[in-house]
N, C-alpha and C. Protein backbone atom coordinates (compact mmCIF):
# COMPACT_ATOMS: atom_id res chain seq x y z
N MET A 1 -38.39 -2.85 24.49
CA MET A 1 -37.17 -2.08 24.53
C MET A 1 -36.09 -2.81 25.33
N LEU A 2 -36.45 -3.33 26.48
CA LEU A 2 -35.50 -4.08 27.30
C LEU A 2 -34.98 -5.29 26.54
N TYR A 3 -35.88 -5.93 25.80
CA TYR A 3 -35.49 -7.10 24.99
C TYR A 3 -34.38 -6.73 23.99
N ASN A 4 -34.48 -5.57 23.35
CA ASN A 4 -33.46 -5.11 22.40
C ASN A 4 -32.10 -4.96 23.08
N TYR A 5 -32.08 -4.39 24.27
CA TYR A 5 -30.83 -4.22 25.01
C TYR A 5 -30.21 -5.57 25.37
N ILE A 6 -31.05 -6.51 25.75
CA ILE A 6 -30.55 -7.84 26.11
C ILE A 6 -29.95 -8.53 24.89
N VAL A 7 -30.62 -8.45 23.74
CA VAL A 7 -30.11 -9.06 22.52
C VAL A 7 -28.79 -8.41 22.11
N ILE A 8 -28.72 -7.09 22.14
CA ILE A 8 -27.48 -6.38 21.79
C ILE A 8 -26.36 -6.78 22.74
N TRP A 9 -26.64 -6.86 24.03
CA TRP A 9 -25.63 -7.25 25.00
C TRP A 9 -25.12 -8.67 24.72
N MET A 10 -26.07 -9.60 24.41
CA MET A 10 -25.68 -10.99 24.13
C MET A 10 -24.84 -11.07 22.85
N LEU A 11 -25.22 -10.34 21.82
CA LEU A 11 -24.44 -10.34 20.57
C LEU A 11 -23.04 -9.80 20.80
N GLY A 12 -22.95 -8.76 21.63
CA GLY A 12 -21.64 -8.20 21.96
C GLY A 12 -20.73 -9.23 22.61
N TRP A 13 -21.27 -10.00 23.55
CA TRP A 13 -20.49 -11.05 24.21
C TRP A 13 -20.12 -12.16 23.23
N MET A 14 -21.05 -12.51 22.33
CA MET A 14 -20.78 -13.58 21.36
C MET A 14 -19.63 -13.19 20.43
N VAL A 15 -19.60 -11.92 20.02
CA VAL A 15 -18.52 -11.45 19.15
C VAL A 15 -17.19 -11.57 19.87
N ASN A 16 -17.17 -11.21 21.15
CA ASN A 16 -15.93 -11.28 21.92
C ASN A 16 -15.49 -12.71 22.18
N LEU A 17 -16.43 -13.62 22.30
CA LEU A 17 -16.08 -15.01 22.60
C LEU A 17 -15.82 -15.83 21.34
N HIS A 18 -16.35 -15.42 20.22
CA HIS A 18 -16.19 -16.19 18.99
C HIS A 18 -15.48 -15.34 17.95
N PRO A 19 -14.20 -15.61 17.67
CA PRO A 19 -13.45 -14.77 16.73
C PRO A 19 -13.98 -14.92 15.31
N PHE A 20 -13.75 -13.88 14.53
CA PHE A 20 -14.09 -13.96 13.12
C PHE A 20 -12.80 -13.91 12.31
N TYR A 21 -12.84 -14.47 11.13
CA TYR A 21 -11.65 -14.58 10.29
C TYR A 21 -11.97 -13.95 8.94
N ILE A 22 -11.30 -12.85 8.64
CA ILE A 22 -11.53 -12.16 7.38
C ILE A 22 -10.26 -11.44 6.94
N SER A 23 -10.08 -11.35 5.65
CA SER A 23 -9.03 -10.51 5.09
C SER A 23 -9.68 -9.62 4.04
N VAL A 24 -9.02 -8.52 3.74
CA VAL A 24 -9.50 -7.61 2.71
C VAL A 24 -8.37 -7.37 1.73
N THR A 25 -8.66 -7.56 0.45
CA THR A 25 -7.68 -7.32 -0.60
C THR A 25 -8.23 -6.26 -1.53
N ASP A 26 -7.45 -5.19 -1.72
CA ASP A 26 -7.79 -4.15 -2.68
C ASP A 26 -6.84 -4.26 -3.86
N ILE A 27 -7.41 -4.46 -5.04
CA ILE A 27 -6.63 -4.56 -6.27
C ILE A 27 -7.03 -3.39 -7.14
N ASN A 28 -6.05 -2.58 -7.50
CA ASN A 28 -6.31 -1.42 -8.34
C ASN A 28 -5.57 -1.60 -9.66
N TYR A 29 -6.33 -1.51 -10.76
CA TYR A 29 -5.66 -1.54 -12.07
C TYR A 29 -5.21 -0.12 -12.40
N ASN A 30 -3.90 0.06 -12.54
CA ASN A 30 -3.32 1.35 -12.91
C ASN A 30 -3.10 1.33 -14.42
N ALA A 31 -4.00 2.00 -15.15
CA ALA A 31 -3.96 1.97 -16.61
C ALA A 31 -2.70 2.63 -17.17
N GLU A 32 -2.26 3.69 -16.52
CA GLU A 32 -1.07 4.39 -16.99
C GLU A 32 0.17 3.51 -16.89
N ALA A 33 0.32 2.82 -15.77
CA ALA A 33 1.48 1.95 -15.56
C ALA A 33 1.24 0.53 -16.08
N LYS A 34 0.01 0.23 -16.47
CA LYS A 34 -0.38 -1.12 -16.89
C LYS A 34 0.02 -2.15 -15.82
N SER A 35 -0.46 -1.88 -14.62
CA SER A 35 -0.09 -2.75 -13.51
C SER A 35 -1.27 -2.96 -12.57
N LEU A 36 -1.18 -4.02 -11.78
CA LEU A 36 -2.10 -4.25 -10.67
C LEU A 36 -1.36 -3.85 -9.40
N GLU A 37 -1.97 -2.98 -8.62
CA GLU A 37 -1.43 -2.57 -7.33
C GLU A 37 -2.30 -3.21 -6.26
N ILE A 38 -1.70 -4.04 -5.45
CA ILE A 38 -2.46 -4.89 -4.53
C ILE A 38 -2.06 -4.60 -3.09
N ALA A 39 -3.06 -4.34 -2.27
CA ALA A 39 -2.87 -4.18 -0.82
C ALA A 39 -3.79 -5.17 -0.14
N GLN A 40 -3.21 -6.00 0.71
CA GLN A 40 -3.97 -7.08 1.35
C GLN A 40 -3.84 -6.93 2.86
N LYS A 41 -4.99 -6.76 3.51
CA LYS A 41 -5.01 -6.60 4.97
C LYS A 41 -5.42 -7.92 5.61
N ILE A 42 -4.53 -8.43 6.47
CA ILE A 42 -4.73 -9.73 7.11
C ILE A 42 -4.42 -9.57 8.60
N PHE A 43 -5.21 -10.23 9.45
CA PHE A 43 -4.88 -10.23 10.87
C PHE A 43 -3.54 -10.95 11.04
N TRP A 44 -2.55 -10.22 11.54
CA TRP A 44 -1.20 -10.77 11.59
C TRP A 44 -1.10 -11.97 12.53
N ASP A 45 -1.91 -12.01 13.60
CA ASP A 45 -1.81 -13.14 14.52
C ASP A 45 -2.29 -14.43 13.86
N ASP A 46 -3.31 -14.34 12.99
CA ASP A 46 -3.76 -15.53 12.26
C ASP A 46 -2.71 -15.98 11.25
N LEU A 47 -2.12 -15.02 10.55
CA LEU A 47 -1.08 -15.37 9.58
C LEU A 47 0.16 -15.92 10.30
N GLU A 48 0.48 -15.35 11.43
CA GLU A 48 1.60 -15.84 12.24
C GLU A 48 1.38 -17.30 12.62
N GLN A 49 0.16 -17.62 13.03
CA GLN A 49 -0.19 -18.99 13.41
C GLN A 49 -0.08 -19.92 12.20
N ALA A 50 -0.61 -19.50 11.06
CA ALA A 50 -0.57 -20.33 9.85
C ALA A 50 0.86 -20.56 9.38
N LEU A 51 1.68 -19.52 9.41
CA LEU A 51 3.08 -19.65 8.97
C LEU A 51 3.89 -20.50 9.95
N SER A 52 3.63 -20.34 11.25
CA SER A 52 4.33 -21.15 12.25
C SER A 52 4.04 -22.62 12.03
N LYS A 53 2.79 -22.93 11.72
CA LYS A 53 2.40 -24.32 11.45
C LYS A 53 3.04 -24.82 10.15
N LYS A 54 2.96 -24.01 9.11
CA LYS A 54 3.48 -24.41 7.80
C LYS A 54 4.99 -24.66 7.83
N TYR A 55 5.72 -23.79 8.51
CA TYR A 55 7.18 -23.89 8.53
C TYR A 55 7.72 -24.53 9.81
N ASP A 56 6.82 -25.01 10.68
CA ASP A 56 7.19 -25.68 11.92
C ASP A 56 8.23 -24.86 12.69
N GLU A 57 7.87 -23.61 12.91
CA GLU A 57 8.79 -22.67 13.55
C GLU A 57 7.96 -21.61 14.28
N ASP A 58 8.39 -21.23 15.49
CA ASP A 58 7.71 -20.15 16.20
C ASP A 58 8.06 -18.82 15.55
N LEU A 59 7.03 -18.08 15.12
CA LEU A 59 7.25 -16.80 14.46
C LEU A 59 6.57 -15.71 15.27
N ASP A 60 7.10 -14.50 15.17
CA ASP A 60 6.58 -13.37 15.92
C ASP A 60 6.61 -12.14 15.01
N PHE A 61 5.42 -11.67 14.59
CA PHE A 61 5.35 -10.52 13.70
C PHE A 61 5.80 -9.23 14.38
N LEU A 62 5.49 -9.10 15.66
CA LEU A 62 5.81 -7.85 16.35
C LEU A 62 7.29 -7.74 16.71
N HIS A 63 7.92 -8.88 17.02
CA HIS A 63 9.33 -8.88 17.39
C HIS A 63 10.05 -10.05 16.72
N PRO A 64 10.16 -10.02 15.40
CA PRO A 64 10.77 -11.16 14.72
C PRO A 64 12.26 -11.30 15.04
N GLN A 65 12.68 -12.55 15.29
CA GLN A 65 14.10 -12.80 15.54
C GLN A 65 14.90 -12.56 14.27
N ASP A 66 14.33 -12.93 13.14
CA ASP A 66 14.99 -12.75 11.85
C ASP A 66 13.97 -12.15 10.87
N PRO A 67 13.89 -10.81 10.81
CA PRO A 67 12.87 -10.15 9.97
C PRO A 67 12.94 -10.56 8.49
N GLU A 68 14.14 -10.80 7.99
CA GLU A 68 14.28 -11.19 6.59
C GLU A 68 13.70 -12.58 6.34
N ARG A 69 13.93 -13.48 7.27
CA ARG A 69 13.38 -14.83 7.15
C ARG A 69 11.84 -14.81 7.22
N LEU A 70 11.31 -14.02 8.15
CA LEU A 70 9.86 -13.87 8.26
C LEU A 70 9.30 -13.32 6.95
N SER A 71 9.94 -12.32 6.40
CA SER A 71 9.49 -11.73 5.15
C SER A 71 9.53 -12.75 4.01
N ASP A 72 10.54 -13.60 3.99
CA ASP A 72 10.62 -14.65 2.98
C ASP A 72 9.46 -15.64 3.11
N PHE A 73 9.11 -16.00 4.35
CA PHE A 73 7.98 -16.89 4.59
C PHE A 73 6.66 -16.25 4.12
N VAL A 74 6.49 -14.98 4.46
CA VAL A 74 5.28 -14.25 4.06
C VAL A 74 5.19 -14.18 2.54
N LYS A 75 6.29 -13.84 1.92
CA LYS A 75 6.33 -13.74 0.45
C LYS A 75 5.91 -15.06 -0.20
N ALA A 76 6.53 -16.15 0.22
CA ALA A 76 6.22 -17.46 -0.36
C ALA A 76 4.75 -17.81 -0.13
N TYR A 77 4.25 -17.55 1.07
CA TYR A 77 2.86 -17.89 1.40
C TYR A 77 1.88 -17.09 0.54
N LEU A 78 2.09 -15.79 0.47
CA LEU A 78 1.17 -14.93 -0.29
C LEU A 78 1.20 -15.23 -1.78
N LEU A 79 2.38 -15.48 -2.33
CA LEU A 79 2.47 -15.78 -3.76
C LEU A 79 1.84 -17.15 -4.08
N GLU A 80 1.89 -18.05 -3.13
CA GLU A 80 1.28 -19.37 -3.30
C GLU A 80 -0.25 -19.30 -3.20
N ASN A 81 -0.77 -18.39 -2.38
CA ASN A 81 -2.20 -18.36 -2.08
C ASN A 81 -2.98 -17.26 -2.79
N ASN A 82 -2.32 -16.47 -3.61
CA ASN A 82 -2.98 -15.44 -4.42
C ASN A 82 -2.59 -15.68 -5.88
N VAL A 83 -3.58 -15.96 -6.72
CA VAL A 83 -3.31 -16.14 -8.15
C VAL A 83 -4.36 -15.32 -8.90
N TYR A 84 -3.87 -14.49 -9.82
CA TYR A 84 -4.77 -13.64 -10.61
C TYR A 84 -4.54 -13.93 -12.09
N GLU A 85 -5.66 -14.07 -12.77
CA GLU A 85 -5.64 -14.31 -14.21
C GLU A 85 -6.39 -13.16 -14.88
N ILE A 86 -5.72 -12.48 -15.79
CA ILE A 86 -6.33 -11.35 -16.51
C ILE A 86 -6.45 -11.74 -17.98
N ASN A 87 -7.66 -11.71 -18.49
CA ASN A 87 -7.94 -12.03 -19.89
C ASN A 87 -7.33 -13.37 -20.30
N GLY A 88 -7.42 -14.35 -19.41
CA GLY A 88 -6.95 -15.69 -19.70
C GLY A 88 -5.47 -15.94 -19.44
N LYS A 89 -4.73 -14.94 -18.96
CA LYS A 89 -3.30 -15.10 -18.69
C LYS A 89 -3.00 -14.87 -17.21
N VAL A 90 -2.31 -15.83 -16.59
CA VAL A 90 -1.90 -15.67 -15.19
C VAL A 90 -0.83 -14.59 -15.13
N VAL A 91 -1.02 -13.63 -14.23
CA VAL A 91 -0.04 -12.55 -14.09
C VAL A 91 0.99 -12.92 -13.03
N LYS A 92 2.20 -12.44 -13.22
CA LYS A 92 3.28 -12.70 -12.28
C LYS A 92 3.24 -11.63 -11.18
N LEU A 93 3.06 -12.09 -9.96
CA LEU A 93 3.00 -11.17 -8.83
C LEU A 93 4.39 -10.98 -8.22
N GLU A 94 4.64 -9.75 -7.80
CA GLU A 94 5.87 -9.43 -7.07
C GLU A 94 5.47 -9.01 -5.66
N TYR A 95 6.19 -9.54 -4.68
CA TYR A 95 5.96 -9.19 -3.29
C TYR A 95 6.79 -7.96 -2.97
N LEU A 96 6.15 -6.90 -2.43
CA LEU A 96 6.86 -5.65 -2.15
C LEU A 96 7.20 -5.45 -0.68
N GLY A 97 6.42 -6.09 0.21
CA GLY A 97 6.70 -5.93 1.63
C GLY A 97 5.43 -5.80 2.43
N TYR A 98 5.58 -5.46 3.72
CA TYR A 98 4.42 -5.34 4.60
C TYR A 98 4.69 -4.33 5.70
N GLU A 99 3.59 -3.90 6.32
CA GLU A 99 3.68 -3.06 7.52
C GLU A 99 2.62 -3.51 8.50
N VAL A 100 2.99 -3.57 9.77
CA VAL A 100 2.11 -4.06 10.82
C VAL A 100 1.39 -2.88 11.46
N GLU A 101 0.08 -3.03 11.62
CA GLU A 101 -0.72 -2.08 12.37
C GLU A 101 -1.06 -2.72 13.70
N GLU A 102 -2.06 -2.23 14.39
CA GLU A 102 -2.40 -2.75 15.71
C GLU A 102 -2.67 -4.25 15.69
N ASP A 103 -3.75 -4.67 15.03
CA ASP A 103 -4.11 -6.08 15.05
C ASP A 103 -4.06 -6.72 13.67
N ALA A 104 -3.66 -5.96 12.68
CA ALA A 104 -3.58 -6.47 11.32
C ALA A 104 -2.32 -5.94 10.66
N ALA A 105 -2.04 -6.47 9.49
CA ALA A 105 -0.89 -6.00 8.72
C ALA A 105 -1.33 -5.81 7.27
N TRP A 106 -0.70 -4.85 6.61
CA TRP A 106 -0.93 -4.63 5.19
C TRP A 106 0.24 -5.26 4.43
N PHE A 107 -0.11 -6.06 3.44
CA PHE A 107 0.88 -6.70 2.59
C PHE A 107 0.71 -6.15 1.18
N TYR A 108 1.84 -5.88 0.52
CA TYR A 108 1.79 -5.21 -0.77
C TYR A 108 2.38 -6.09 -1.87
N LEU A 109 1.63 -6.19 -2.96
CA LEU A 109 2.03 -6.97 -4.12
C LEU A 109 1.80 -6.11 -5.36
N GLU A 110 2.46 -6.50 -6.45
CA GLU A 110 2.27 -5.78 -7.71
C GLU A 110 2.45 -6.74 -8.87
N ALA A 111 1.71 -6.48 -9.94
CA ALA A 111 1.89 -7.21 -11.20
C ALA A 111 2.10 -6.17 -12.28
N LYS A 112 3.14 -6.33 -13.07
CA LYS A 112 3.46 -5.36 -14.13
C LYS A 112 3.10 -5.93 -15.49
N ASN A 113 3.02 -5.02 -16.48
CA ASN A 113 2.71 -5.40 -17.87
C ASN A 113 1.40 -6.16 -17.97
N VAL A 114 0.36 -5.61 -17.39
CA VAL A 114 -0.96 -6.23 -17.37
C VAL A 114 -1.85 -5.50 -18.37
N SER A 115 -2.43 -6.25 -19.28
CA SER A 115 -3.33 -5.64 -20.25
C SER A 115 -4.63 -5.21 -19.57
N PHE A 116 -5.36 -4.32 -20.22
CA PHE A 116 -6.60 -3.81 -19.66
C PHE A 116 -7.54 -4.98 -19.34
N PRO A 117 -7.99 -5.11 -18.09
CA PRO A 117 -8.81 -6.25 -17.68
C PRO A 117 -10.23 -6.22 -18.25
N LYS A 118 -10.58 -7.28 -18.93
CA LYS A 118 -11.96 -7.49 -19.37
C LYS A 118 -12.55 -8.66 -18.61
N LYS A 119 -11.74 -9.72 -18.46
CA LYS A 119 -12.14 -10.89 -17.69
C LYS A 119 -11.04 -11.16 -16.66
N VAL A 120 -11.48 -11.31 -15.42
CA VAL A 120 -10.53 -11.49 -14.32
C VAL A 120 -10.95 -12.73 -13.53
N LYS A 121 -9.98 -13.59 -13.27
CA LYS A 121 -10.20 -14.75 -12.39
C LYS A 121 -9.30 -14.56 -11.18
N ILE A 122 -9.90 -14.63 -10.01
CA ILE A 122 -9.17 -14.39 -8.77
C ILE A 122 -9.24 -15.64 -7.90
N SER A 123 -8.06 -16.08 -7.45
CA SER A 123 -7.95 -17.17 -6.49
C SER A 123 -7.26 -16.60 -5.25
N ASN A 124 -7.98 -16.63 -4.13
CA ASN A 124 -7.42 -16.15 -2.87
C ASN A 124 -7.72 -17.21 -1.82
N LYS A 125 -6.68 -17.98 -1.45
CA LYS A 125 -6.82 -19.06 -0.49
C LYS A 125 -6.19 -18.73 0.86
N VAL A 126 -5.88 -17.46 1.07
CA VAL A 126 -5.20 -17.02 2.28
C VAL A 126 -5.96 -17.48 3.53
N LEU A 127 -5.30 -18.23 4.37
CA LEU A 127 -5.75 -18.71 5.68
C LEU A 127 -6.91 -19.70 5.66
N ILE A 128 -7.45 -20.02 4.50
CA ILE A 128 -8.62 -20.89 4.45
C ILE A 128 -8.31 -22.30 4.93
N SER A 129 -7.14 -22.83 4.63
CA SER A 129 -6.83 -24.19 5.09
C SER A 129 -6.60 -24.25 6.60
N ASP A 130 -6.24 -23.12 7.21
CA ASP A 130 -6.00 -23.09 8.65
C ASP A 130 -7.23 -22.68 9.46
N PHE A 131 -8.09 -21.89 8.85
CA PHE A 131 -9.29 -21.41 9.52
C PHE A 131 -10.48 -21.59 8.57
N PRO A 132 -11.22 -22.68 8.71
CA PRO A 132 -12.33 -22.98 7.78
C PRO A 132 -13.38 -21.88 7.70
N GLU A 133 -13.49 -21.02 8.72
CA GLU A 133 -14.47 -19.92 8.69
C GLU A 133 -13.94 -18.69 7.97
N GLN A 134 -12.69 -18.74 7.52
CA GLN A 134 -12.04 -17.60 6.88
C GLN A 134 -12.82 -17.13 5.66
N GLN A 135 -12.98 -15.81 5.54
CA GLN A 135 -13.56 -15.19 4.36
C GLN A 135 -12.58 -14.15 3.85
N ASN A 136 -12.36 -14.15 2.54
CA ASN A 136 -11.44 -13.20 1.93
C ASN A 136 -12.23 -12.30 0.97
N MET A 137 -12.37 -11.05 1.38
CA MET A 137 -13.07 -10.08 0.56
C MET A 137 -12.07 -9.45 -0.41
N VAL A 138 -12.41 -9.45 -1.70
CA VAL A 138 -11.53 -8.90 -2.73
C VAL A 138 -12.28 -7.79 -3.45
N ASN A 139 -11.69 -6.58 -3.42
CA ASN A 139 -12.23 -5.43 -4.14
C ASN A 139 -11.32 -5.16 -5.33
N PHE A 140 -11.87 -5.26 -6.52
CA PHE A 140 -11.10 -4.99 -7.74
C PHE A 140 -11.57 -3.65 -8.30
N TYR A 141 -10.64 -2.69 -8.36
CA TYR A 141 -10.97 -1.34 -8.83
C TYR A 141 -10.49 -1.17 -10.27
N LEU A 142 -11.44 -0.82 -11.13
CA LEU A 142 -11.13 -0.51 -12.52
C LEU A 142 -11.81 0.82 -12.82
N ASN A 143 -11.02 1.82 -13.21
CA ASN A 143 -11.54 3.18 -13.42
C ASN A 143 -12.25 3.69 -12.16
N ASP A 144 -11.65 3.44 -11.03
CA ASP A 144 -12.15 3.88 -9.72
C ASP A 144 -13.50 3.28 -9.33
N LYS A 145 -13.95 2.27 -10.05
CA LYS A 145 -15.21 1.61 -9.72
C LYS A 145 -14.89 0.20 -9.23
N PRO A 146 -15.30 -0.12 -7.99
CA PRO A 146 -14.98 -1.45 -7.46
C PRO A 146 -16.03 -2.51 -7.81
N LYS A 147 -15.54 -3.73 -7.96
CA LYS A 147 -16.39 -4.92 -7.97
C LYS A 147 -15.83 -5.79 -6.86
N THR A 148 -16.72 -6.42 -6.11
CA THR A 148 -16.29 -7.15 -4.91
C THR A 148 -16.67 -8.62 -4.99
N LEU A 149 -15.74 -9.44 -4.52
CA LEU A 149 -15.95 -10.88 -4.38
C LEU A 149 -15.73 -11.25 -2.92
N ILE A 150 -16.46 -12.25 -2.45
CA ILE A 150 -16.20 -12.85 -1.15
C ILE A 150 -15.81 -14.30 -1.42
N LEU A 151 -14.59 -14.66 -1.04
CA LEU A 151 -14.09 -16.01 -1.26
C LEU A 151 -13.94 -16.72 0.08
N TYR A 152 -14.21 -18.02 0.08
CA TYR A 152 -14.23 -18.78 1.33
C TYR A 152 -14.03 -20.26 0.99
N LYS A 153 -14.00 -21.10 2.02
CA LYS A 153 -13.78 -22.54 1.84
C LYS A 153 -14.76 -23.10 0.82
N ASP A 154 -14.22 -23.87 -0.11
CA ASP A 154 -14.96 -24.47 -1.22
C ASP A 154 -15.44 -23.44 -2.24
N HIS A 155 -15.02 -22.20 -2.09
CA HIS A 155 -15.31 -21.15 -3.07
C HIS A 155 -14.14 -20.14 -3.04
N GLU A 156 -12.94 -20.66 -3.30
CA GLU A 156 -11.73 -19.83 -3.22
C GLU A 156 -11.41 -19.10 -4.52
N VAL A 157 -12.16 -19.41 -5.59
CA VAL A 157 -11.90 -18.84 -6.91
C VAL A 157 -13.20 -18.29 -7.47
N ASP A 158 -13.11 -17.11 -8.08
CA ASP A 158 -14.31 -16.55 -8.73
C ASP A 158 -13.86 -15.60 -9.85
N ASP A 159 -14.83 -15.23 -10.68
CA ASP A 159 -14.56 -14.43 -11.88
C ASP A 159 -15.26 -13.08 -11.80
N LEU A 160 -14.65 -12.11 -12.49
CA LEU A 160 -15.25 -10.81 -12.69
C LEU A 160 -15.23 -10.51 -14.19
N ASP A 161 -16.30 -9.90 -14.68
CA ASP A 161 -16.37 -9.47 -16.07
C ASP A 161 -16.47 -7.96 -16.12
N PHE A 162 -15.67 -7.35 -16.97
CA PHE A 162 -15.70 -5.89 -17.15
C PHE A 162 -16.09 -5.51 -18.57
N ASP A 163 -16.72 -6.43 -19.31
CA ASP A 163 -17.17 -6.13 -20.69
C ASP A 163 -18.38 -5.23 -20.68
């Protein structure tokens, strides 16, 4: 019993000392609107670091000096690092905006005029080049039933079949 407490205590300290890198993307196919509704949750401090490096500029999500410029950087980054192919056709993503929570932010994207998905190819490279341990979990909802992918370094693209 004492051994269990010691192991739990050590694991707790390891989690605090060794950060983890993960994002969660929820993609919902809206059959009525024929669209993909995408919500992507990313730790804003990691994205802030990646964008600061990419654009060689100090950025601050909580107190941006130029919120419009920050939003433009986020938009360009997310559109570059998220690519979705439905039934063999790449869909055009639109960036809708974001909202910051405590330690993460939700980013919203949409694709319109999307045919009913039978075969889906998802590329999510968010933060992988900056954090090799990064994992991007993608939940694709079709008829309220999710299928999940975990994408990571050297496995940034994967397929889903709904046949």
